[in-house]
Amino acid sequence: MIKREGWQNLFENKKMYRKSLENSLTVVAVDKSSNVIGFIRGITDGYTTLFICELFIIEQKRGRGIGNELINYLHKKYPDTRIDLLATKHSSKFYEKQGFRMFYGYRKNFNN
């Protein structure tokens, strides 16, 4: 799924990404036939911040509220935290529809 979406770094570094999944909150969305149709991965301190690392829904299932359900699921687990995330220009429209507001931030990768 992530390879088709163009998330090459996650796909090419499978061992590292597997460790990331093990050390974070990951919720998988499946259809009635138990096919994986998406997932959300987040990290939190449990009190102040819940950071969404990735949210992915397969293209055929987008626009059906599944991403919003995954966000709400994590928010219900940690209702007092704020939710922060990074978004692309393409995904920013989705998050704005969910009531997120833009804020300023920075990123630095040391491995690239």
C-alpha atoms as a PDB file:
ATOM      1  CA  MET A   1       0.000   0.000   0.000  1.00  0.00           C
ATOM      2  CA  ILE A   2       2.624   2.526   0.989  1.00  0.00           C
ATOM      3  CA  LYS A   3       4.775   1.711  -2.022  1.00  0.00           C
ATOM      4  CA  ARG A   4       1.866   2.420  -4.396  1.00  0.00           C
ATOM      5  CA  GLU A   5       1.263   5.721  -2.602  1.00  0.00           C
ATOM      6  CA  GLY A   6       4.883   6.732  -3.226  1.00  0.00           C
ATOM      7  CA  TRP A   7       6.043   6.559   0.381  1.00  0.00           C
ATOM      8  CA  GLN A   8       9.371   5.144  -0.743  1.00  0.00           C
ATOM      9  CA  ASN A   9      11.292   5.936   2.455  1.00  0.00           C
ATOM     10  CA  LEU A  10       8.926   3.839   4.566  1.00  0.00           C
ATOM     11  CA  PHE A  11       8.864   1.022   2.015  1.00  0.00           C
ATOM     12  CA  GLU A  12      12.630   0.896   1.502  1.00  0.00           C
ATOM     13  CA  ASN A  13      13.376   0.982   5.237  1.00  0.00           C
ATOM     14  CA  LYS A  14      11.036  -1.846   6.258  1.00  0.00           C
ATOM     15  CA  LYS A  15      12.998  -2.870   9.339  1.00  0.00           C
ATOM     16  CA  MET A  16      13.084   0.687  10.684  1.00  0.00           C
ATOM     17  CA  TYR A  17       9.400   1.229   9.876  1.00  0.00           C
ATOM     18  CA  ARG A  18       8.423  -2.029  11.597  1.00  0.00           C
ATOM     19  CA  LYS A  19      10.169  -0.745  14.755  1.00  0.00           C
ATOM     20  CA  SER A  20       8.279   2.543  14.367  1.00  0.00           C
ATOM     21  CA  LEU A  21       4.990   0.661  14.227  1.00  0.00           C
ATOM     22  CA  GLU A  22       5.889  -1.358  17.315  1.00  0.00           C
ATOM     23  CA  ASN A  23       6.651   1.805  19.293  1.00  0.00           C
ATOM     24  CA  SER A  24       3.571   3.826  18.418  1.00  0.00           C
ATOM     25  CA  LEU A  25      -0.214   3.648  18.314  1.00  0.00           C
ATOM     26  CA  THR A  26      -1.289   1.958  15.118  1.00  0.00           C
ATOM     27  CA  VAL A  27      -4.907   1.351  14.193  1.00  0.00           C
ATOM     28  CA  VAL A  28      -5.716  -0.616  11.064  1.00  0.00           C
ATOM     29  CA  ALA A  29      -8.969  -0.231   9.126  1.00  0.00           C
ATOM     30  CA  VAL A  30     -10.362  -3.348   7.467  1.00  0.00           C
ATOM     31  CA  ASP A  31     -13.424  -3.963   5.323  1.00  0.00           C
ATOM     32  CA  LYS A  32     -16.091  -6.626   5.945  1.00  0.00           C
ATOM     33  CA  SER A  33     -13.852  -9.238   4.302  1.00  0.00           C
ATOM     34  CA  SER A  34     -10.921  -8.370   6.614  1.00  0.00           C
ATOM     35  CA  ASN A  35      -8.963  -6.693   3.802  1.00  0.00           C
ATOM     36  CA  VAL A  36      -6.731  -3.882   5.031  1.00  0.00           C
ATOM     37  CA  ILE A  37      -8.009  -0.613   3.583  1.00  0.00           C
ATOM     38  CA  GLY A  38      -5.987   1.853   5.619  1.00  0.00           C
ATOM     39  CA  PHE A  39      -4.273   2.737   8.861  1.00  0.00           C
ATOM     40  CA  ILE A  40      -3.318   5.554  11.189  1.00  0.00           C
ATOM     41  CA  ARG A  41      -0.135   5.726  13.245  1.00  0.00           C
ATOM     42  CA  GLY A  42       0.385   8.175  16.069  1.00  0.00           C
ATOM     43  CA  ILE A  43       2.556   8.898  19.078  1.00  0.00           C
ATOM     44  CA  THR A  44       1.509  10.615  22.273  1.00  0.00           C
ATOM     45  CA  ASP A  45       2.557  11.559  25.758  1.00  0.00           C
ATOM     46  CA  GLY A  46      -1.025  10.821  26.778  1.00  0.00           C
ATOM     47  CA  TYR A  47      -1.717  14.292  28.151  1.00  0.00           C
ATOM     48  CA  THR A  48      -0.740  17.185  25.924  1.00  0.00           C
ATOM     49  CA  THR A  49      -0.014  16.072  22.374  1.00  0.00           C
ATOM     50  CA  LEU A  50      -1.068  13.317  20.026  1.00  0.00           C
ATOM     51  CA  PHE A  51       1.002  13.446  16.844  1.00  0.00           C
ATOM     52  CA  ILE A  52      -0.341  11.704  13.765  1.00  0.00           C
ATOM     53  CA  CYS A  53       2.630  10.270  11.906  1.00  0.00           C
ATOM     54  CA  GLU A  54       0.775   8.673   9.005  1.00  0.00           C
ATOM     55  CA  LEU A  55      -2.813   8.340   7.887  1.00  0.00           C
ATOM     56  CA  PHE A  56      -3.468   6.265   4.810  1.00  0.00           C
ATOM     57  CA  ILE A  57      -6.635   5.028   3.123  1.00  0.00           C
ATOM     58  CA  ILE A  58      -6.468   3.092  -0.150  1.00  0.00           C
ATOM     59  CA  GLU A  59      -7.605   5.206  -3.062  1.00  0.00           C
ATOM     60  CA  GLN A  60     -10.742   3.150  -3.791  1.00  0.00           C
ATOM     61  CA  LYS A  61     -12.054   3.769  -0.241  1.00  0.00           C
ATOM     62  CA  ARG A  62     -11.246   7.468   0.122  1.00  0.00           C
ATOM     63  CA  GLY A  63     -14.032   9.972   0.629  1.00  0.00           C
ATOM     64  CA  ARG A  64     -16.116   7.609   2.784  1.00  0.00           C
ATOM     65  CA  GLY A  65     -15.198   8.998   6.215  1.00  0.00           C
ATOM     66  CA  ILE A  66     -12.730   6.243   7.122  1.00  0.00           C
ATOM     67  CA  GLY A  67      -9.828   8.633   7.734  1.00  0.00           C
ATOM     68  CA  ASN A  68     -12.034  10.807   9.923  1.00  0.00           C
ATOM     69  CA  GLU A  69     -13.131   7.714  11.885  1.00  0.00           C
ATOM     70  CA  LEU A  70      -9.502   6.753  12.515  1.00  0.00           C
ATOM     71  CA  ILE A  71      -8.652  10.267  13.725  1.00  0.00           C
ATOM     72  CA  ASN A  72     -11.710  10.281  16.007  1.00  0.00           C
ATOM     73  CA  TYR A  73     -10.800   6.839  17.380  1.00  0.00           C
ATOM     74  CA  LEU A  74      -7.388   8.092  18.518  1.00  0.00           C
ATOM     75  CA  HIS A  75      -8.903  11.306  19.849  1.00  0.00           C
ATOM     76  CA  LYS A  76     -11.407   9.316  21.940  1.00  0.00           C
ATOM     77  CA  LYS A  77      -8.538   7.296  23.440  1.00  0.00           C
ATOM     78  CA  TYR A  78      -6.746  10.545  24.375  1.00  0.00           C
ATOM     79  CA  PRO A  79      -9.525  13.162  24.609  1.00  0.00           C
ATOM     80  CA  ASP A  80      -7.481  15.813  26.432  1.00  0.00           C
ATOM     81  CA  THR A  81      -4.630  15.939  23.939  1.00  0.00           C
ATOM     82  CA  ARG A  82      -4.322  18.259  20.997  1.00  0.00           C
ATOM     83  CA  ILE A  83      -3.644  16.617  17.651  1.00  0.00           C
ATOM     84  CA  ASP A  84      -0.669  17.761  15.600  1.00  0.00           C
ATOM     85  CA  LEU A  85       0.436  16.470  12.197  1.00  0.00           C
ATOM     86  CA  LEU A  86       2.327  17.318   9.052  1.00  0.00           C
ATOM     87  CA  ALA A  87       0.449  17.393   5.749  1.00  0.00           C
ATOM     88  CA  THR A  88       1.266  17.668   2.082  1.00  0.00           C
ATOM     89  CA  LYS A  89      -0.395  20.195  -0.197  1.00  0.00           C
ATOM     90  CA  HIS A  90      -2.537  17.343  -1.500  1.00  0.00           C
ATOM     91  CA  SER A  91      -3.696  16.105   1.924  1.00  0.00           C
ATOM     92  CA  SER A  92      -4.108  19.540   3.515  1.00  0.00           C
ATOM     93  CA  LYS A  93      -7.619  19.898   2.079  1.00  0.00           C
ATOM     94  CA  PHE A  94      -8.705  16.730   3.884  1.00  0.00           C
ATOM     95  CA  TYR A  95      -7.385  17.965   7.234  1.00  0.00           C
ATOM     96  CA  GLU A  96      -8.927  21.412   6.813  1.00  0.00           C
ATOM     97  CA  LYS A  97     -12.314  19.717   6.248  1.00  0.00           C
ATOM     98  CA  GLN A  98     -11.784  17.871   9.540  1.00  0.00           C
ATOM     99  CA  GLY A  99     -11.339  21.188  11.396  1.00  0.00           C
ATOM    100  CA  PHE A 100      -7.543  21.253  11.607  1.00  0.00           C
ATOM    101  CA  ARG A 101      -5.826  24.615  11.265  1.00  0.00           C
ATOM    102  CA  MET A 102      -2.450  25.305   9.741  1.00  0.00           C
ATOM    103  CA  PHE A 103       0.477  26.139  11.998  1.00  0.00           C
ATOM    104  CA  TYR A 104       4.135  26.785  11.378  1.00  0.00           C
ATOM    105  CA  GLY A 105       6.784  24.105  11.939  1.00  0.00           C
ATOM    106  CA  TYR A 106      10.175  22.787  10.912  1.00  0.00           C
ATOM    107  CA  ARG A 107      11.687  19.413  10.009  1.00  0.00           C
ATOM    108  CA  LYS A 108      15.239  18.198   9.716  1.00  0.00           C
ATOM    109  CA  ASN A 109      16.277  14.715   8.583  1.00  0.00           C
ATOM    110  CA  PHE A 110      19.705  13.497   9.658  1.00  0.00           C
ATOM    111  CA  ASN A 111      19.753  10.270   7.631  1.00  0.00           C
ATOM    112  CA  ASN A 112      19.336  11.750   4.152  1.00  0.00           C
END
